[in-house]
Amino acid sequence: MVPFVEQSNRFSVEAENTVILSMKTQMHYSWFLAVGLLAAGLLAGCHTRSISDSGYRSHSGYAGKTANAAYKGELSEFDVLGVRRDNQITDEQIHKALDAATRVRLRKGSSLLLIQSGADQPDSPMSRALSQHFNTVPFNGKPDFNSDISYTKALRLAAAQAACETIVCYWGALESARRNLETKTVSWVPVVGWMVPDEKQHMRIRLKVALIDVRSGNWTMFSPEAFDDRAISTLFTKSASDQAQVEKLKRLAYEAAANDLVKTYAN
């Protein structure tokens, strides 16, 4: 017969080993769970695209180059506004600029040179929104990386030749986050799952608008309200759903920008 003390020690060792094994298993499970959540987050992810390059792209498309060959990037705010980036600026120049600065004002019914950064021409909803109050003259917003000419002065000259008193240039970003719905299971593929909603996309649009007085070069900037939208799509409706969100958000943001511009600078 095994002594009671020896038998108790054996049971204690076995219990201890069981606890250690359980702890290791739990640690491995926690690690795999963390990695899985991280991978899911990376797959769902957040993506940003320009309003001038707002076409639909699949998950893999976000990691690569844009599918829009005509898109060449954005205009630089420094170039559009004529902000110098050298060491030749003096305090005296700053004082003179401050003394001469006046608030940018727009006259209802006047002509605006309208520019959408990164695009051949402004989006139609923006042109329509502003055309209710002004005469809009569309202008190319693609960057020219090979020119050494002062872009802002060339822009003001072009606006003056078109009898435009003000330049309106705007930038915009569409931010989207996607995640798979909890209802997406392997059992639905391939018969039912193709038509079951399997993805939810949350999208937001942000705009920034610059107003430049053609005669003086004085400028100001503002950002209208940001808008967001949520949509659920299936495998066959992802592209259409994405573009419907883009068009809806653009329309809302452009109308808000036009209203803010009129209320703040044209009254």
C-alpha atoms as a PDB file:
ATOM      1  CA  MET A   1       0.000   0.000   0.000  1.00  0.00           C
ATOM      2  CA  VAL A   2       1.291   3.488  -0.956  1.00  0.00           C
ATOM      3  CA  PRO A   3       1.729   5.713   2.085  1.00  0.00           C
ATOM      4  CA  PHE A   4      -0.879   8.471   2.388  1.00  0.00           C
ATOM      5  CA  VAL A   5       1.729  11.272   2.318  1.00  0.00           C
ATOM      6  CA  GLU A   6       3.368   9.978  -0.860  1.00  0.00           C
ATOM      7  CA  GLN A   7      -0.008   9.538  -2.524  1.00  0.00           C
ATOM      8  CA  SER A   8      -1.039  13.078  -1.588  1.00  0.00           C
ATOM      9  CA  ASN A   9       2.200  14.513  -2.997  1.00  0.00           C
ATOM     10  CA  ARG A  10       1.625  12.683  -6.258  1.00  0.00           C
ATOM     11  CA  PHE A  11      -1.895  14.095  -6.532  1.00  0.00           C
ATOM     12  CA  SER A  12      -0.559  17.599  -5.781  1.00  0.00           C
ATOM     13  CA  VAL A  13       2.053  17.350  -8.547  1.00  0.00           C
ATOM     14  CA  GLU A  14      -0.531  16.098 -11.037  1.00  0.00           C
ATOM     15  CA  ALA A  15      -2.911  18.913 -10.081  1.00  0.00           C
ATOM     16  CA  GLU A  16      -0.129  21.469 -10.467  1.00  0.00           C
ATOM     17  CA  ASN A  17       0.773  20.124 -13.910  1.00  0.00           C
ATOM     18  CA  THR A  18      -2.875  20.281 -14.922  1.00  0.00           C
ATOM     19  CA  VAL A  19      -3.112  23.940 -13.852  1.00  0.00           C
ATOM     20  CA  ILE A  20       0.097  24.840 -15.718  1.00  0.00           C
ATOM     21  CA  LEU A  21      -1.130  23.084 -18.857  1.00  0.00           C
ATOM     22  CA  SER A  22      -4.467  24.890 -18.590  1.00  0.00           C
ATOM     23  CA  MET A  23      -2.706  28.245 -18.203  1.00  0.00           C
ATOM     24  CA  LYS A  24      -0.495  27.558 -21.240  1.00  0.00           C
ATOM     25  CA  THR A  25      -3.521  26.536 -23.299  1.00  0.00           C
ATOM     26  CA  GLN A  26      -5.349  29.692 -22.265  1.00  0.00           C
ATOM     27  CA  MET A  27      -2.312  31.847 -23.145  1.00  0.00           C
ATOM     28  CA  HIS A  28      -2.063  30.222 -26.577  1.00  0.00           C
ATOM     29  CA  TYR A  29      -5.772  30.745 -27.123  1.00  0.00           C
ATOM     30  CA  SER A  30      -5.529  34.406 -26.068  1.00  0.00           C
ATOM     31  CA  TRP A  31      -2.581  34.919 -28.422  1.00  0.00           C
ATOM     32  CA  PHE A  32      -4.409  33.363 -31.374  1.00  0.00           C
ATOM     33  CA  LEU A  33      -7.504  35.406 -30.537  1.00  0.00           C
ATOM     34  CA  ALA A  34      -5.471  38.625 -30.441  1.00  0.00           C
ATOM     35  CA  VAL A  35      -3.808  37.812 -33.745  1.00  0.00           C
ATOM     36  CA  GLY A  36      -7.181  36.962 -35.251  1.00  0.00           C
ATOM     37  CA  LEU A  37      -8.713  40.231 -34.086  1.00  0.00           C
ATOM     38  CA  LEU A  38      -5.709  42.163 -35.399  1.00  0.00           C
ATOM     39  CA  ALA A  39      -5.965  40.444 -38.772  1.00  0.00           C
ATOM     40  CA  ALA A  40      -9.687  41.147 -38.884  1.00  0.00           C
ATOM     41  CA  GLY A  41      -9.016  44.785 -38.093  1.00  0.00           C
ATOM     42  CA  LEU A  42      -6.422  45.015 -40.822  1.00  0.00           C
ATOM     43  CA  LEU A  43      -8.739  43.391 -43.331  1.00  0.00           C
ATOM     44  CA  ALA A  44     -11.660  45.605 -42.415  1.00  0.00           C
ATOM     45  CA  GLY A  45      -9.410  48.635 -42.014  1.00  0.00           C
ATOM     46  CA  CYS A  46      -9.945  52.291 -42.741  1.00  0.00           C
ATOM     47  CA  HIS A  47      -9.247  53.675 -46.176  1.00  0.00           C
ATOM     48  CA  THR A  48      -9.044  57.207 -47.546  1.00  0.00           C
ATOM     49  CA  ARG A  49      -9.434  58.337 -51.149  1.00  0.00           C
ATOM     50  CA  SER A  50      -9.712  61.702 -52.823  1.00  0.00           C
ATOM     51  CA  ILE A  51     -13.050  62.987 -54.091  1.00  0.00           C
ATOM     52  CA  SER A  52     -11.241  63.279 -57.432  1.00  0.00           C
ATOM     53  CA  ASP A  53     -10.375  59.570 -57.322  1.00  0.00           C
ATOM     54  CA  SER A  54     -13.540  58.196 -55.788  1.00  0.00           C
ATOM     55  CA  GLY A  55     -14.141  55.109 -57.930  1.00  0.00           C
ATOM     56  CA  TYR A  56     -14.810  51.759 -56.282  1.00  0.00           C
ATOM     57  CA  ARG A  57     -11.884  49.570 -55.342  1.00  0.00           C
ATOM     58  CA  SER A  58     -11.964  46.124 -53.786  1.00  0.00           C
ATOM     59  CA  HIS A  59     -10.133  45.327 -50.547  1.00  0.00           C
ATOM     60  CA  SER A  60      -6.989  44.477 -52.478  1.00  0.00           C
ATOM     61  CA  GLY A  61      -7.299  47.626 -54.540  1.00  0.00           C
ATOM     62  CA  TYR A  62      -6.698  49.873 -51.561  1.00  0.00           C
ATOM     63  CA  ALA A  63      -3.223  48.470 -51.072  1.00  0.00           C
ATOM     64  CA  GLY A  64      -2.167  49.149 -54.646  1.00  0.00           C
ATOM     65  CA  LYS A  65      -2.184  52.095 -57.002  1.00  0.00           C
ATOM     66  CA  THR A  66      -5.317  53.914 -58.023  1.00  0.00           C
ATOM     67  CA  ALA A  67      -7.346  52.376 -60.822  1.00  0.00           C
ATOM     68  CA  ASN A  68      -7.947  55.860 -62.261  1.00  0.00           C
ATOM     69  CA  ALA A  69      -5.083  56.496 -64.686  1.00  0.00           C
ATOM     70  CA  ALA A  70      -6.161  60.126 -65.131  1.00  0.00           C
ATOM     71  CA  TYR A  71      -5.647  60.940 -61.469  1.00  0.00           C
ATOM     72  CA  LYS A  72      -2.226  62.520 -60.880  1.00  0.00           C
ATOM     73  CA  GLY A  73      -2.495  63.719 -57.290  1.00  0.00           C
ATOM     74  CA  GLU A  74      -3.621  66.873 -55.524  1.00  0.00           C
ATOM     75  CA  LEU A  75      -2.830  70.553 -55.752  1.00  0.00           C
ATOM     76  CA  SER A  76      -0.626  71.895 -52.983  1.00  0.00           C
ATOM     77  CA  GLU A  77      -2.281  74.392 -50.669  1.00  0.00           C
ATOM     78  CA  PHE A  78       0.991  76.307 -50.541  1.00  0.00           C
ATOM     79  CA  ASP A  79       1.004  76.735 -54.320  1.00  0.00           C
ATOM     80  CA  VAL A  80      -2.680  77.632 -54.593  1.00  0.00           C
ATOM     81  CA  LEU A  81      -2.511  80.219 -51.820  1.00  0.00           C
ATOM     82  CA  GLY A  82       0.924  81.562 -52.753  1.00  0.00           C
ATOM     83  CA  VAL A  83       2.504  80.672 -49.413  1.00  0.00           C
ATOM     84  CA  ARG A  84       6.283  81.030 -49.607  1.00  0.00           C
ATOM     85  CA  ARG A  85       8.398  78.260 -48.119  1.00  0.00           C
ATOM     86  CA  ASP A  86      11.828  79.861 -47.970  1.00  0.00           C
ATOM     87  CA  ASN A  87      13.964  81.634 -45.418  1.00  0.00           C
ATOM     88  CA  GLN A  88      13.687  85.072 -47.038  1.00  0.00           C
ATOM     89  CA  ILE A  89      10.526  86.133 -45.186  1.00  0.00           C
ATOM     90  CA  THR A  90      11.058  88.984 -42.730  1.00  0.00           C
ATOM     91  CA  ASP A  91       9.020  90.340 -39.850  1.00  0.00           C
ATOM     92  CA  GLU A  92       8.543  93.552 -41.822  1.00  0.00           C
ATOM     93  CA  GLN A  93       6.845  91.621 -44.616  1.00  0.00           C
ATOM     94  CA  ILE A  94       4.571  89.945 -42.089  1.00  0.00           C
ATOM     95  CA  HIS A  95       3.602  93.294 -40.556  1.00  0.00           C
ATOM     96  CA  LYS A  96       2.856  94.813 -43.964  1.00  0.00           C
ATOM     97  CA  ALA A  97       0.787  91.806 -45.006  1.00  0.00           C
ATOM     98  CA  LEU A  98      -1.226  92.012 -41.793  1.00  0.00           C
ATOM     99  CA  ASP A  99      -1.850  95.727 -42.212  1.00  0.00           C
ATOM    100  CA  ALA A 100      -2.956  95.290 -45.833  1.00  0.00           C
ATOM    101  CA  ALA A 101      -5.085  92.187 -45.272  1.00  0.00           C
ATOM    102  CA  THR A 102      -8.815  92.494 -45.777  1.00  0.00           C
ATOM    103  CA  ARG A 103     -11.570  89.950 -45.375  1.00  0.00           C
ATOM    104  CA  VAL A 104     -12.481  88.074 -48.535  1.00  0.00           C
ATOM    105  CA  ARG A 105     -15.989  88.986 -49.666  1.00  0.00           C
ATOM    106  CA  LEU A 106     -18.059  87.665 -52.567  1.00  0.00           C
ATOM    107  CA  ARG A 107     -20.801  89.411 -54.502  1.00  0.00           C
ATOM    108  CA  LYS A 108     -23.843  87.340 -55.347  1.00  0.00           C
ATOM    109  CA  GLY A 109     -24.052  87.031 -59.106  1.00  0.00           C
ATOM    110  CA  SER A 110     -20.310  87.568 -59.579  1.00  0.00           C
ATOM    111  CA  SER A 111     -18.055  85.126 -61.415  1.00  0.00           C
ATOM    112  CA  LEU A 112     -15.980  82.478 -59.632  1.00  0.00           C
ATOM    113  CA  LEU A 113     -13.118  80.428 -61.012  1.00  0.00           C
ATOM    114  CA  LEU A 114     -14.037  77.011 -59.597  1.00  0.00           C
ATOM    115  CA  ILE A 115     -11.335  74.377 -59.086  1.00  0.00           C
ATOM    116  CA  GLN A 116     -11.536  70.859 -57.686  1.00  0.00           C
ATOM    117  CA  SER A 117      -8.101  69.701 -56.624  1.00  0.00           C
ATOM    118  CA  GLY A 118      -6.954  66.671 -58.617  1.00  0.00           C
ATOM    119  CA  ALA A 119      -9.744  66.777 -61.222  1.00  0.00           C
ATOM    120  CA  ASP A 120     -10.071  67.983 -64.816  1.00  0.00           C
ATOM    121  CA  GLN A 121     -13.181  69.887 -63.806  1.00  0.00           C
ATOM    122  CA  PRO A 122     -15.339  70.316 -60.693  1.00  0.00           C
ATOM    123  CA  ASP A 123     -17.973  67.711 -59.882  1.00  0.00           C
ATOM    124  CA  SER A 124     -21.372  68.635 -61.298  1.00  0.00           C
ATOM    125  CA  PRO A 125     -23.180  68.747 -57.910  1.00  0.00           C
ATOM    126  CA  MET A 126     -20.710  71.375 -56.648  1.00  0.00           C
ATOM    127  CA  SER A 127     -21.074  73.452 -59.799  1.00  0.00           C
ATOM    128  CA  ARG A 128     -24.872  73.268 -59.533  1.00  0.00           C
ATOM    129  CA  ALA A 129     -24.865  74.225 -55.848  1.00  0.00           C
ATOM    130  CA  LEU A 130     -22.720  77.323 -56.438  1.00  0.00           C
ATOM    131  CA  SER A 131     -24.435  78.257 -59.730  1.00  0.00           C
ATOM    132  CA  GLN A 132     -27.571  79.119 -57.770  1.00  0.00           C
ATOM    133  CA  HIS A 133     -25.740  82.166 -56.413  1.00  0.00           C
ATOM    134  CA  PHE A 134     -22.769  82.801 -58.727  1.00  0.00           C
ATOM    135  CA  ASN A 135     -21.543  82.411 -62.280  1.00  0.00           C
ATOM    136  CA  THR A 136     -19.081  79.533 -62.064  1.00  0.00           C
ATOM    137  CA  VAL A 137     -16.197  79.127 -64.502  1.00  0.00           C
ATOM    138  CA  PRO A 138     -14.720  75.581 -64.260  1.00  0.00           C
ATOM    139  CA  PHE A 139     -10.937  75.248 -64.298  1.00  0.00           C
ATOM    140  CA  ASN A 140      -8.486  72.354 -64.377  1.00  0.00           C
ATOM    141  CA  GLY A 141      -7.322  71.229 -60.933  1.00  0.00           C
ATOM    142  CA  LYS A 142      -4.585  68.779 -61.867  1.00  0.00           C
ATOM    143  CA  PRO A 143      -1.121  69.520 -60.425  1.00  0.00           C
ATOM    144  CA  ASP A 144       1.791  70.458 -62.650  1.00  0.00           C
ATOM    145  CA  PHE A 145       4.914  69.145 -60.969  1.00  0.00           C
ATOM    146  CA  ASN A 146       7.253  70.383 -63.721  1.00  0.00           C
ATOM    147  CA  SER A 147       6.457  74.090 -63.641  1.00  0.00           C
ATOM    148  CA  ASP A 148       8.595  76.655 -61.815  1.00  0.00           C
ATOM    149  CA  ILE A 149       6.115  79.484 -62.386  1.00  0.00           C
ATOM    150  CA  SER A 150       4.264  80.929 -59.388  1.00  0.00           C
ATOM    151  CA  TYR A 151       1.067  78.912 -59.538  1.00  0.00           C
ATOM    152  CA  THR A 152      -1.029  81.337 -57.544  1.00  0.00           C
ATOM    153  CA  LYS A 153      -0.142  84.314 -59.773  1.00  0.00           C
ATOM    154  CA  ALA A 154      -0.790  82.293 -62.925  1.00  0.00           C
ATOM    155  CA  LEU A 155      -4.114  81.243 -61.417  1.00  0.00           C
ATOM    156  CA  ARG A 156      -5.070  84.826 -60.524  1.00  0.00           C
ATOM    157  CA  LEU A 157      -4.165  85.982 -64.032  1.00  0.00           C
ATOM    158  CA  ALA A 158      -6.311  83.241 -65.583  1.00  0.00           C
ATOM    159  CA  ALA A 159      -9.185  84.239 -63.292  1.00  0.00           C
ATOM    160  CA  ALA A 160      -8.781  87.929 -64.208  1.00  0.00           C
ATOM    161  CA  GLN A 161      -8.839  87.083 -67.907  1.00  0.00           C
ATOM    162  CA  ALA A 162     -12.121  85.238 -67.315  1.00  0.00           C
ATOM    163  CA  ALA A 163     -13.521  88.262 -65.434  1.00  0.00           C
ATOM    164  CA  CYS A 164     -13.649  86.264 -62.194  1.00  0.00           C
ATOM    165  CA  GLU A 165     -13.311  88.210 -58.967  1.00  0.00           C
ATOM    166  CA  THR A 166     -12.724  85.192 -56.759  1.00  0.00           C
ATOM    167  CA  ILE A 167     -11.065  81.791 -57.008  1.00  0.00           C
ATOM    168  CA  VAL A 168     -12.727  78.906 -55.201  1.00  0.00           C
ATOM    169  CA  CYS A 169     -10.557  75.801 -54.823  1.00  0.00           C
ATOM    170  CA  TYR A 170     -11.623  72.810 -52.779  1.00  0.00           C
ATOM    171  CA  TRP A 171     -10.116  69.545 -51.572  1.00  0.00           C
ATOM    172  CA  GLY A 172     -12.003  66.524 -50.294  1.00  0.00           C
ATOM    173  CA  ALA A 173     -11.389  63.131 -48.727  1.00  0.00           C
ATOM    174  CA  LEU A 174     -13.647  60.096 -48.481  1.00  0.00           C
ATOM    175  CA  GLU A 175     -12.883  57.890 -45.494  1.00  0.00           C
ATOM    176  CA  SER A 176     -14.383  54.416 -45.367  1.00  0.00           C
ATOM    177  CA  ALA A 177     -14.277  51.517 -42.922  1.00  0.00           C
ATOM    178  CA  ARG A 178     -15.503  48.030 -43.821  1.00  0.00           C
ATOM    179  CA  ARG A 179     -16.287  45.054 -41.657  1.00  0.00           C
ATOM    180  CA  ASN A 180     -17.795  41.647 -42.273  1.00  0.00           C
ATOM    181  CA  LEU A 181     -21.168  41.052 -40.705  1.00  0.00           C
ATOM    182  CA  GLU A 182     -21.490  38.400 -38.016  1.00  0.00           C
ATOM    183  CA  THR A 183     -24.099  36.659 -40.167  1.00  0.00           C
ATOM    184  CA  LYS A 184     -21.540  35.730 -42.832  1.00  0.00           C
ATOM    185  CA  THR A 185     -20.861  32.018 -42.324  1.00  0.00           C
ATOM    186  CA  VAL A 186     -19.319  29.326 -44.451  1.00  0.00           C
ATOM    187  CA  SER A 187     -22.583  27.380 -44.523  1.00  0.00           C
ATOM    188  CA  TRP A 188     -24.167  30.033 -46.760  1.00  0.00           C
ATOM    189  CA  VAL A 189     -21.624  29.607 -49.542  1.00  0.00           C
ATOM    190  CA  PRO A 190     -22.087  28.987 -52.421  1.00  0.00           C
ATOM    191  CA  VAL A 191     -25.866  28.635 -52.632  1.00  0.00           C
ATOM    192  CA  VAL A 192     -27.391  31.210 -50.305  1.00  0.00           C
ATOM    193  CA  GLY A 193     -24.413  33.262 -49.235  1.00  0.00           C
ATOM    194  CA  TRP A 194     -23.951  35.056 -52.526  1.00  0.00           C
ATOM    195  CA  MET A 195     -27.119  37.071 -52.011  1.00  0.00           C
ATOM    196  CA  VAL A 196     -26.989  37.487 -48.226  1.00  0.00           C
ATOM    197  CA  PRO A 197     -25.736  40.884 -46.959  1.00  0.00           C
ATOM    198  CA  ASP A 198     -22.145  40.194 -45.944  1.00  0.00           C
ATOM    199  CA  GLU A 199     -20.435  43.564 -45.565  1.00  0.00           C
ATOM    200  CA  LYS A 200     -21.150  46.869 -43.848  1.00  0.00           C
ATOM    201  CA  GLN A 201     -19.353  50.032 -44.949  1.00  0.00           C
ATOM    202  CA  HIS A 202     -19.205  53.242 -42.948  1.00  0.00           C
ATOM    203  CA  MET A 203     -18.169  56.226 -45.084  1.00  0.00           C
ATOM    204  CA  ARG A 204     -17.447  59.868 -44.243  1.00  0.00           C
ATOM    205  CA  ILE A 205     -16.634  62.896 -46.396  1.00  0.00           C
ATOM    206  CA  ARG A 206     -14.608  65.929 -45.384  1.00  0.00           C
ATOM    207  CA  LEU A 207     -14.087  69.067 -47.485  1.00  0.00           C
ATOM    208  CA  LYS A 208     -11.757  72.041 -47.246  1.00  0.00           C
ATOM    209  CA  VAL A 209     -12.500  75.154 -49.309  1.00  0.00           C
ATOM    210  CA  ALA A 210     -10.158  78.048 -50.140  1.00  0.00           C
ATOM    211  CA  LEU A 211     -11.363  81.459 -51.326  1.00  0.00           C
ATOM    212  CA  ILE A 212      -8.820  83.735 -52.996  1.00  0.00           C
ATOM    213  CA  ASP A 213      -9.451  87.358 -53.914  1.00  0.00           C
ATOM    214  CA  VAL A 214      -8.097  87.741 -57.448  1.00  0.00           C
ATOM    215  CA  ARG A 215      -7.194  91.433 -57.140  1.00  0.00           C
ATOM    216  CA  SER A 216      -5.346  91.389 -53.801  1.00  0.00           C
ATOM    217  CA  GLY A 217      -4.360  87.753 -53.343  1.00  0.00           C
ATOM    218  CA  ASN A 218      -5.915  87.720 -49.870  1.00  0.00           C
ATOM    219  CA  TRP A 219      -7.398  84.367 -48.973  1.00  0.00           C
ATOM    220  CA  THR A 220      -9.368  82.442 -46.420  1.00  0.00           C
ATOM    221  CA  MET A 221     -10.332  78.803 -45.854  1.00  0.00           C
ATOM    222  CA  PHE A 222     -13.213  76.965 -44.241  1.00  0.00           C
ATOM    223  CA  SER A 223     -14.453  73.411 -43.772  1.00  0.00           C
ATOM    224  CA  PRO A 224     -18.167  72.624 -43.982  1.00  0.00           C
ATOM    225  CA  GLU A 225     -19.852  69.998 -41.868  1.00  0.00           C
ATOM    226  CA  ALA A 226     -18.592  66.440 -42.317  1.00  0.00           C
ATOM    227  CA  PHE A 227     -21.215  63.907 -43.398  1.00  0.00           C
ATOM    228  CA  ASP A 228     -21.272  60.144 -42.939  1.00  0.00           C
ATOM    229  CA  ASP A 229     -23.340  57.223 -44.187  1.00  0.00           C
ATOM    230  CA  ARG A 230     -23.659  53.478 -43.554  1.00  0.00           C
ATOM    231  CA  ALA A 231     -24.626  50.821 -46.060  1.00  0.00           C
ATOM    232  CA  ILE A 232     -24.880  47.025 -46.176  1.00  0.00           C
ATOM    233  CA  SER A 233     -24.033  45.219 -49.402  1.00  0.00           C
ATOM    234  CA  THR A 234     -23.868  41.734 -50.904  1.00  0.00           C
ATOM    235  CA  LEU A 235     -21.165  40.216 -53.077  1.00  0.00           C
ATOM    236  CA  PHE A 236     -22.850  41.469 -56.245  1.00  0.00           C
ATOM    237  CA  THR A 237     -23.784  44.957 -54.955  1.00  0.00           C
ATOM    238  CA  LYS A 238     -20.533  46.114 -53.310  1.00  0.00           C
ATOM    239  CA  SER A 239     -19.489  48.394 -56.170  1.00  0.00           C
ATOM    240  CA  ALA A 240     -22.937  49.905 -56.719  1.00  0.00           C
ATOM    241  CA  SER A 241     -23.463  50.388 -52.983  1.00  0.00           C
ATOM    242  CA  ASP A 242     -20.067  52.060 -52.599  1.00  0.00           C
ATOM    243  CA  GLN A 243     -20.661  54.495 -55.447  1.00  0.00           C
ATOM    244  CA  ALA A 244     -24.170  55.294 -54.209  1.00  0.00           C
ATOM    245  CA  GLN A 245     -22.645  56.293 -50.871  1.00  0.00           C
ATOM    246  CA  VAL A 246     -20.009  58.412 -52.631  1.00  0.00           C
ATOM    247  CA  GLU A 247     -22.580  60.303 -54.705  1.00  0.00           C
ATOM    248  CA  LYS A 248     -24.882  60.846 -51.727  1.00  0.00           C
ATOM    249  CA  LEU A 249     -22.119  62.179 -49.490  1.00  0.00           C
ATOM    250  CA  LYS A 250     -20.680  64.400 -52.217  1.00  0.00           C
ATOM    251  CA  ARG A 251     -24.074  65.972 -52.842  1.00  0.00           C
ATOM    252  CA  LEU A 252     -24.634  66.655 -49.132  1.00  0.00           C
ATOM    253  CA  ALA A 253     -21.126  68.063 -48.610  1.00  0.00           C
ATOM    254  CA  TYR A 254     -21.227  70.255 -51.723  1.00  0.00           C
ATOM    255  CA  GLU A 255     -24.589  71.732 -50.811  1.00  0.00           C
ATOM    256  CA  ALA A 256     -23.350  72.435 -47.279  1.00  0.00           C
ATOM    257  CA  ALA A 257     -20.167  74.062 -48.642  1.00  0.00           C
ATOM    258  CA  ALA A 258     -22.170  76.309 -50.983  1.00  0.00           C
ATOM    259  CA  ASN A 259     -24.556  77.322 -48.200  1.00  0.00           C
ATOM    260  CA  ASP A 260     -21.694  78.100 -45.791  1.00  0.00           C
ATOM    261  CA  LEU A 261     -19.888  80.093 -48.456  1.00  0.00           C
ATOM    262  CA  VAL A 262     -22.939  82.233 -49.212  1.00  0.00           C
ATOM    263  CA  LYS A 263     -23.927  82.713 -45.563  1.00  0.00           C
ATOM    264  CA  THR A 264     -20.440  83.623 -44.328  1.00  0.00           C
ATOM    265  CA  TYR A 265     -18.822  85.436 -47.242  1.00  0.00           C
ATOM    266  CA  ALA A 266     -21.596  86.718 -49.538  1.00  0.00           C
ATOM    267  CA  ASN A 267     -24.108  88.323 -47.166  1.00  0.00           C
END
